[in-house]
C-alpha atoms as a PDB file:
ATOM      1  CA  MET A   1     -47.962  45.648 -11.554  1.00  0.00           C
ATOM      2  CA  THR A   2     -50.832  47.381 -13.226  1.00  0.00           C
ATOM      3  CA  ARG A   3     -50.346  50.434 -15.383  1.00  0.00           C
ATOM      4  CA  LEU A   4     -52.661  53.215 -14.352  1.00  0.00           C
ATOM      5  CA  GLY A   5     -55.143  55.088 -16.501  1.00  0.00           C
ATOM      6  CA  ASP A   6     -55.194  58.898 -16.425  1.00  0.00           C
ATOM      7  CA  LEU A   7     -57.859  59.187 -13.741  1.00  0.00           C
ATOM      8  CA  GLU A   8     -56.345  56.393 -11.654  1.00  0.00           C
ATOM      9  CA  ARG A   9     -52.989  58.152 -11.858  1.00  0.00           C
ATOM     10  CA  ALA A  10     -54.524  61.467 -10.776  1.00  0.00           C
ATOM     11  CA  VAL A  11     -56.150  59.766  -7.772  1.00  0.00           C
ATOM     12  CA  MET A  12     -52.918  57.984  -6.878  1.00  0.00           C
ATOM     13  CA  ASP A  13     -51.029  61.290  -7.126  1.00  0.00           C
ATOM     14  CA  VAL A  14     -53.378  62.699  -4.470  1.00  0.00           C
ATOM     15  CA  LEU A  15     -52.674  59.703  -2.221  1.00  0.00           C
ATOM     16  CA  TRP A  16     -48.932  59.686  -2.913  1.00  0.00           C
ATOM     17  CA  ASP A  17     -48.656  63.384  -2.084  1.00  0.00           C
ATOM     18  CA  LEU A  18     -49.928  62.773   1.458  1.00  0.00           C
ATOM     19  CA  ASP A  19     -47.363  62.728   4.225  1.00  0.00           C
ATOM     20  CA  PRO A  20     -47.566  59.106   5.399  1.00  0.00           C
ATOM     21  CA  GLY A  21     -46.377  60.045   8.875  1.00  0.00           C
ATOM     22  CA  THR A  22     -49.164  62.529   9.488  1.00  0.00           C
ATOM     23  CA  SER A  23     -52.064  61.120   7.513  1.00  0.00           C
ATOM     24  CA  ASP A  24     -54.302  58.198   8.329  1.00  0.00           C
ATOM     25  CA  GLY A  25     -55.699  58.325   4.807  1.00  0.00           C
ATOM     26  CA  VAL A  26     -58.350  60.369   3.076  1.00  0.00           C
ATOM     27  CA  THR A  27     -62.022  59.996   2.286  1.00  0.00           C
ATOM     28  CA  VAL A  28     -63.560  59.890  -1.167  1.00  0.00           C
ATOM     29  CA  ARG A  29     -64.764  63.471  -0.654  1.00  0.00           C
ATOM     30  CA  GLU A  30     -61.242  64.657   0.205  1.00  0.00           C
ATOM     31  CA  VAL A  31     -59.833  63.001  -2.914  1.00  0.00           C
ATOM     32  CA  ALA A  32     -62.622  64.494  -5.044  1.00  0.00           C
ATOM     33  CA  ASP A  33     -61.914  67.940  -3.576  1.00  0.00           C
ATOM     34  CA  ALA A  34     -58.180  67.543  -4.310  1.00  0.00           C
ATOM     35  CA  LEU A  35     -59.059  66.818  -7.944  1.00  0.00           C
ATOM     36  CA  ASP A  36     -60.732  70.224  -8.186  1.00  0.00           C
ATOM     37  CA  GLY A  37     -59.529  70.856 -11.748  1.00  0.00           C
ATOM     38  CA  ARG A  38     -61.658  67.950 -12.939  1.00  0.00           C
ATOM     39  CA  ASP A  39     -65.423  67.927 -12.978  1.00  0.00           C
ATOM     40  CA  LEU A  40     -65.920  64.490 -11.431  1.00  0.00           C
ATOM     41  CA  ALA A  41     -68.906  63.038  -9.667  1.00  0.00           C
ATOM     42  CA  TYR A  42     -68.374  61.723  -6.154  1.00  0.00           C
ATOM     43  CA  THR A  43     -69.429  58.273  -7.339  1.00  0.00           C
ATOM     44  CA  THR A  44     -66.787  58.328 -10.085  1.00  0.00           C
ATOM     45  CA  VAL A  45     -64.018  58.972  -7.555  1.00  0.00           C
ATOM     46  CA  MET A  46     -65.498  56.313  -5.266  1.00  0.00           C
ATOM     47  CA  THR A  47     -65.490  53.786  -8.126  1.00  0.00           C
ATOM     48  CA  VAL A  48     -61.874  54.585  -9.038  1.00  0.00           C
ATOM     49  CA  LEU A  49     -60.761  54.180  -5.409  1.00  0.00           C
ATOM     50  CA  ASP A  50     -62.691  50.902  -5.153  1.00  0.00           C
ATOM     51  CA  ARG A  51     -61.001  49.590  -8.295  1.00  0.00           C
ATOM     52  CA  LEU A  52     -57.575  50.702  -7.061  1.00  0.00           C
ATOM     53  CA  ALA A  53     -58.247  48.844  -3.800  1.00  0.00           C
ATOM     54  CA  GLY A  54     -59.140  45.764  -5.829  1.00  0.00           C
ATOM     55  CA  LYS A  55     -55.851  46.063  -7.712  1.00  0.00           C
ATOM     56  CA  GLY A  56     -53.944  46.311  -4.427  1.00  0.00           C
ATOM     57  CA  MET A  57     -52.811  49.865  -5.159  1.00  0.00           C
ATOM     58  CA  VAL A  58     -54.608  51.381  -2.163  1.00  0.00           C
ATOM     59  CA  GLN A  59     -55.449  50.250   1.322  1.00  0.00           C
ATOM     60  CA  ARG A  60     -58.706  51.228   2.922  1.00  0.00           C
ATOM     61  CA  ARG A  61     -60.208  51.053   6.353  1.00  0.00           C
ATOM     62  CA  ARG A  62     -63.672  51.720   7.592  1.00  0.00           C
ATOM     63  CA  GLU A  63     -64.281  54.880   9.618  1.00  0.00           C
ATOM     64  CA  GLY A  64     -67.915  55.148  10.567  1.00  0.00           C
ATOM     65  CA  ARG A  65     -69.911  54.944   7.350  1.00  0.00           C
ATOM     66  CA  ALA A  66     -67.003  56.069   5.179  1.00  0.00           C
ATOM     67  CA  TRP A  67     -63.743  54.525   4.015  1.00  0.00           C
ATOM     68  CA  ARG A  68     -60.314  56.107   4.450  1.00  0.00           C
ATOM     69  CA  TYR A  69     -57.821  55.420   1.680  1.00  0.00           C
ATOM     70  CA  ARG A  70     -54.040  55.517   1.490  1.00  0.00           C
ATOM     71  CA  ALA A  71     -51.486  54.330  -1.049  1.00  0.00           C
ATOM     72  CA  ALA A  72     -50.385  50.731  -0.491  1.00  0.00           C
ATOM     73  CA  ALA A  73     -46.850  51.538  -1.695  1.00  0.00           C
ATOM     74  CA  SER A  74     -44.848  54.658  -2.451  1.00  0.00           C
ATOM     75  CA  ARG A  75     -44.746  56.303  -5.861  1.00  0.00           C
ATOM     76  CA  GLU A  76     -41.094  55.240  -6.152  1.00  0.00           C
ATOM     77  CA  ALA A  77     -41.940  51.605  -5.406  1.00  0.00           C
ATOM     78  CA  HIS A  78     -44.666  51.696  -8.062  1.00  0.00           C
ATOM     79  CA  ILE A  79     -42.330  53.169 -10.674  1.00  0.00           C
ATOM     80  CA  ALA A  80     -39.592  50.669  -9.824  1.00  0.00           C
ATOM     81  CA  GLN A  81     -42.058  47.810 -10.292  1.00  0.00           C
ATOM     82  CA  LEU A  82     -43.154  49.241 -13.652  1.00  0.00           C
ATOM     83  CA  MET A  83     -39.504  49.305 -14.712  1.00  0.00           C
ATOM     84  CA  LEU A  84     -39.016  45.691 -13.638  1.00  0.00           C
ATOM     85  CA  ASP A  85     -42.175  44.670 -15.469  1.00  0.00           C
ATOM     86  CA  ALA A  86     -40.902  46.429 -18.608  1.00  0.00           C
ATOM     87  CA  LEU A  87     -37.641  44.477 -18.384  1.00  0.00           C
ATOM     88  CA  ASP A  88     -39.666  41.265 -18.475  1.00  0.00           C
ATOM     89  CA  LEU A  89     -41.323  42.264 -21.765  1.00  0.00           C
ATOM     90  CA  GLY A  90     -38.216  41.867 -23.884  1.00  0.00           C
ATOM     91  CA  GLY A  91     -36.265  38.829 -24.867  1.00  0.00           C
ATOM     92  CA  SER A  92     -33.059  39.802 -23.110  1.00  0.00           C
ATOM     93  CA  ARG A  93     -33.248  41.510 -19.765  1.00  0.00           C
ATOM     94  CA  ASP A  94     -29.487  42.129 -19.866  1.00  0.00           C
ATOM     95  CA  ALA A  95     -29.698  43.887 -23.241  1.00  0.00           C
ATOM     96  CA  ALA A  96     -32.538  46.084 -21.989  1.00  0.00           C
ATOM     97  CA  LEU A  97     -30.564  46.985 -18.857  1.00  0.00           C
ATOM     98  CA  VAL A  98     -27.479  47.891 -20.900  1.00  0.00           C
ATOM     99  CA  ARG A  99     -29.594  50.018 -23.245  1.00  0.00           C
ATOM    100  CA  PHE A 100     -31.174  51.757 -20.257  1.00  0.00           C
ATOM    101  CA  ALA A 101     -27.808  52.339 -18.576  1.00  0.00           C
ATOM    102  CA  ARG A 102     -26.473  53.970 -21.736  1.00  0.00           C
ATOM    103  CA  SER A 103     -29.451  56.334 -21.854  1.00  0.00           C
ATOM    104  CA  VAL A 104     -29.160  57.854 -18.367  1.00  0.00           C
ATOM    105  CA  THR A 105     -27.442  61.137 -17.640  1.00  0.00           C
ATOM    106  CA  GLY A 106     -24.144  61.335 -15.774  1.00  0.00           C
ATOM    107  CA  THR A 107     -25.897  62.346 -12.568  1.00  0.00           C
ATOM    108  CA  GLU A 108     -28.382  59.487 -12.878  1.00  0.00           C
ATOM    109  CA  ALA A 109     -25.510  57.072 -13.515  1.00  0.00           C
ATOM    110  CA  GLU A 110     -23.844  58.246 -10.286  1.00  0.00           C
ATOM    111  CA  VAL A 111     -27.086  57.628  -8.374  1.00  0.00           C
ATOM    112  CA  LEU A 112     -27.236  54.097  -9.811  1.00  0.00           C
ATOM    113  CA  ARG A 113     -23.568  53.444  -8.987  1.00  0.00           C
ATOM    114  CA  ALA A 114     -24.048  54.604  -5.412  1.00  0.00           C
ATOM    115  CA  ALA A 115     -27.171  52.465  -4.987  1.00  0.00           C
ATOM    116  CA  LEU A 116     -25.450  49.384  -6.433  1.00  0.00           C
ATOM    117  CA  SER A 117     -22.405  49.971  -4.258  1.00  0.00           C
ATOM    118  CA  ALA A 118     -24.556  50.309  -1.149  1.00  0.00           C
ATOM    119  CA  GLU A 119     -26.446  47.134  -2.081  1.00  0.00           C
ATOM    120  CA  ALA A 120     -23.172  45.215  -2.533  1.00  0.00           C
ATOM    121  CA  THR A 121     -21.938  46.470   0.851  1.00  0.00           C
ATOM    122  CA  ASP A 122     -25.159  45.403   2.591  1.00  0.00           C
ATOM    123  CA  ARG A 123     -24.830  41.796   1.421  1.00  0.00           C
END
């Protein structure tokens, strides 16, 4: 999965913060307006959204003359894929996992245990 640049991340944050159950996506103008702290041209936001669509990060559909955009996957799914990709960078995936497991807090370890237990039960 592709790492995101700063502007791509800001655009994705706008899309990820939408309630998927109530939103059918947003237009370029709506994304640009949500990025109000940045002085960005409409065409810049349009180009970023087009590139994100090309990377498979966003889905778009035509609505009249405009496009409506939404995230192709959740923020959590994106982060999980980044973590899996990082595991593939090293020589030993097991060693990286052990190192990661030793670095999490007690609460995070409990979350991992519960998720692994639930996964084992589902199989």
